[in-house]
Amino acid sequence: VQLVESGGGLVQPGGSLRLSCTATGTIDRIYSMGWYRQAPGKEREMVAHRHYGGESKYSDSVKGRFTISIDGAKKTVHLQMNSLIAEDTAVYYCNVLAPGQIYWGQGTQVTVSS
């Protein structure tokens, strides 16, 4: 199983980016998919998380600005990021939780700078 991420890059403050992550390979069942991030010198933190067919959770720092969505048929999770600020600069990692397994993507860099 591999998680293939895309959509990172450089954006100006106030701009938007959309991250995508697709799980390839055989996964019989997925409990949830989400996004974490890690800024330089900081610990990895949860950004947004969504259970299949369930509710979404967001960190307080991104509520109202970020939206997570899942395409279950394609085993793909998206993170729409609006009103980006410098503090959102980090490497963003996709996360998939399956029975007895936790999968991580390789990370995609998001840089918010003028």
Protein backbone atom coordinates (compact mmCIF):
# COMPACT_ATOMS: atom_id res chain seq x y z
CA VAL A 1 0.00 0.00 0.00
CA GLN A 2 1.29 3.43 -0.92
CA LEU A 3 -0.15 6.87 -0.35
CA VAL A 4 0.47 9.19 -3.29
CA GLU A 5 0.20 12.88 -2.42
CA SER A 6 -0.03 15.90 -4.68
CA GLY A 7 -0.94 19.57 -4.64
CA GLY A 8 1.67 21.21 -2.46
CA GLY A 9 3.62 24.28 -3.48
CA LEU A 10 4.27 27.96 -2.88
CA VAL A 11 1.35 30.32 -2.36
CA GLN A 12 0.95 33.90 -1.18
CA PRO A 13 -0.80 34.70 2.09
CA GLY A 14 -4.54 34.64 1.59
CA GLY A 15 -4.26 32.17 -1.25
CA SER A 16 -5.56 28.63 -1.62
CA LEU A 17 -4.19 25.18 -2.29
CA ARG A 18 -5.78 21.77 -2.63
CA LEU A 19 -3.93 18.68 -1.47
CA SER A 20 -4.87 15.21 -2.66
CA CYS A 21 -3.82 11.77 -1.51
CA THR A 22 -4.71 8.44 -3.10
CA ALA A 23 -4.19 5.06 -1.49
CA THR A 24 -2.88 2.55 -4.01
CA GLY A 25 -2.66 -1.18 -3.50
CA THR A 26 -5.02 -3.45 -1.64
CA ILE A 27 -6.76 -2.14 1.45
CA ASP A 28 -9.77 -4.20 2.40
CA ARG A 29 -11.17 -1.61 4.73
CA ILE A 30 -10.37 1.98 5.64
CA TYR A 31 -11.48 3.45 8.93
CA SER A 32 -10.39 7.01 8.30
CA MET A 33 -8.20 9.31 6.25
CA GLY A 34 -6.59 12.55 7.26
CA TRP A 35 -3.84 15.09 7.05
CA TYR A 36 -1.06 15.96 9.48
CA ARG A 37 1.67 18.56 9.19
CA GLN A 38 5.10 19.24 10.58
CA ALA A 39 6.74 22.63 10.58
CA PRO A 40 10.51 23.06 11.10
CA GLY A 41 11.43 22.56 14.74
CA LYS A 42 7.93 21.46 15.67
CA GLU A 43 6.19 18.15 16.29
CA ARG A 44 3.82 16.62 13.77
CA GLU A 45 0.24 17.71 14.43
CA MET A 46 -3.17 16.67 13.20
CA VAL A 47 -4.70 19.12 10.73
CA ALA A 48 -7.91 17.40 9.64
CA HIS A 49 -9.31 13.91 9.95
CA ARG A 50 -12.42 12.20 8.60
CA HIS A 51 -13.94 8.80 9.31
CA TYR A 52 -15.54 6.99 6.40
CA GLY A 53 -19.17 7.95 6.49
CA GLY A 54 -18.59 9.92 9.64
CA GLU A 55 -17.76 13.34 10.89
CA SER A 56 -14.71 15.45 10.25
CA LYS A 57 -12.38 16.90 12.87
CA TYR A 58 -10.11 19.89 12.49
CA SER A 59 -7.41 21.49 14.55
CA ASP A 60 -8.49 24.81 16.01
CA SER A 61 -5.88 26.61 13.93
CA VAL A 62 -7.50 25.62 10.61
CA LYS A 63 -11.22 25.53 11.45
CA GLY A 64 -13.21 27.62 9.03
CA ARG A 65 -10.34 27.75 6.53
CA PHE A 66 -9.64 24.11 5.62
CA THR A 67 -12.08 21.46 4.41
CA ILE A 68 -11.42 17.73 4.23
CA SER A 69 -13.31 15.43 1.91
CA ILE A 70 -13.09 11.79 0.90
CA ASP A 71 -13.89 10.01 -2.35
CA GLY A 72 -14.37 6.51 -1.00
CA ALA A 73 -14.60 4.82 -4.37
CA LYS A 74 -11.20 6.25 -5.36
CA LYS A 75 -9.66 5.88 -1.87
CA THR A 76 -8.72 9.53 -2.14
CA VAL A 77 -8.72 12.27 0.47
CA HIS A 78 -8.58 15.98 -0.36
CA LEU A 79 -7.71 18.96 1.77
CA GLN A 80 -8.96 22.29 0.49
CA MET A 81 -6.95 25.03 2.15
CA ASN A 82 -8.19 28.61 1.92
CA SER A 83 -7.05 31.88 3.48
CA LEU A 84 -3.58 30.47 3.97
CA ILE A 85 -1.24 32.18 6.41
CA ALA A 86 2.49 31.92 7.01
CA GLU A 87 1.89 29.67 10.00
CA ASP A 88 0.45 27.04 7.65
CA THR A 89 3.90 26.51 6.16
CA ALA A 90 4.88 22.89 6.78
CA VAL A 91 5.28 19.47 5.25
CA TYR A 92 1.84 17.92 5.00
CA TYR A 93 1.44 14.16 5.40
CA CYS A 94 -1.48 12.02 4.37
CA ASN A 95 -2.62 9.41 6.90
CA VAL A 96 -4.80 6.34 6.45
CA LEU A 97 -6.06 4.18 9.31
CA ALA A 98 -7.01 0.59 8.48
CA PRO A 99 -7.54 -2.48 10.67
CA GLY A 100 -4.19 -3.10 12.37
CA GLN A 101 -2.36 -0.66 10.10
CA ILE A 102 -1.46 3.00 9.89
CA TYR A 103 -0.15 4.31 6.59
CA TRP A 104 1.69 7.57 5.92
CA GLY A 105 2.42 9.45 2.74
CA GLN A 106 5.86 10.77 1.87
CA GLY A 107 4.87 14.36 2.59
CA THR A 108 4.28 17.38 0.40
CA GLN A 109 5.68 20.84 1.11
CA VAL A 110 3.33 23.78 1.53
CA THR A 111 4.97 27.19 1.74
CA VAL A 112 2.98 30.36 2.38
CA SER A 113 5.07 33.41 1.64
CA SER A 114 4.92 36.70 -0.20
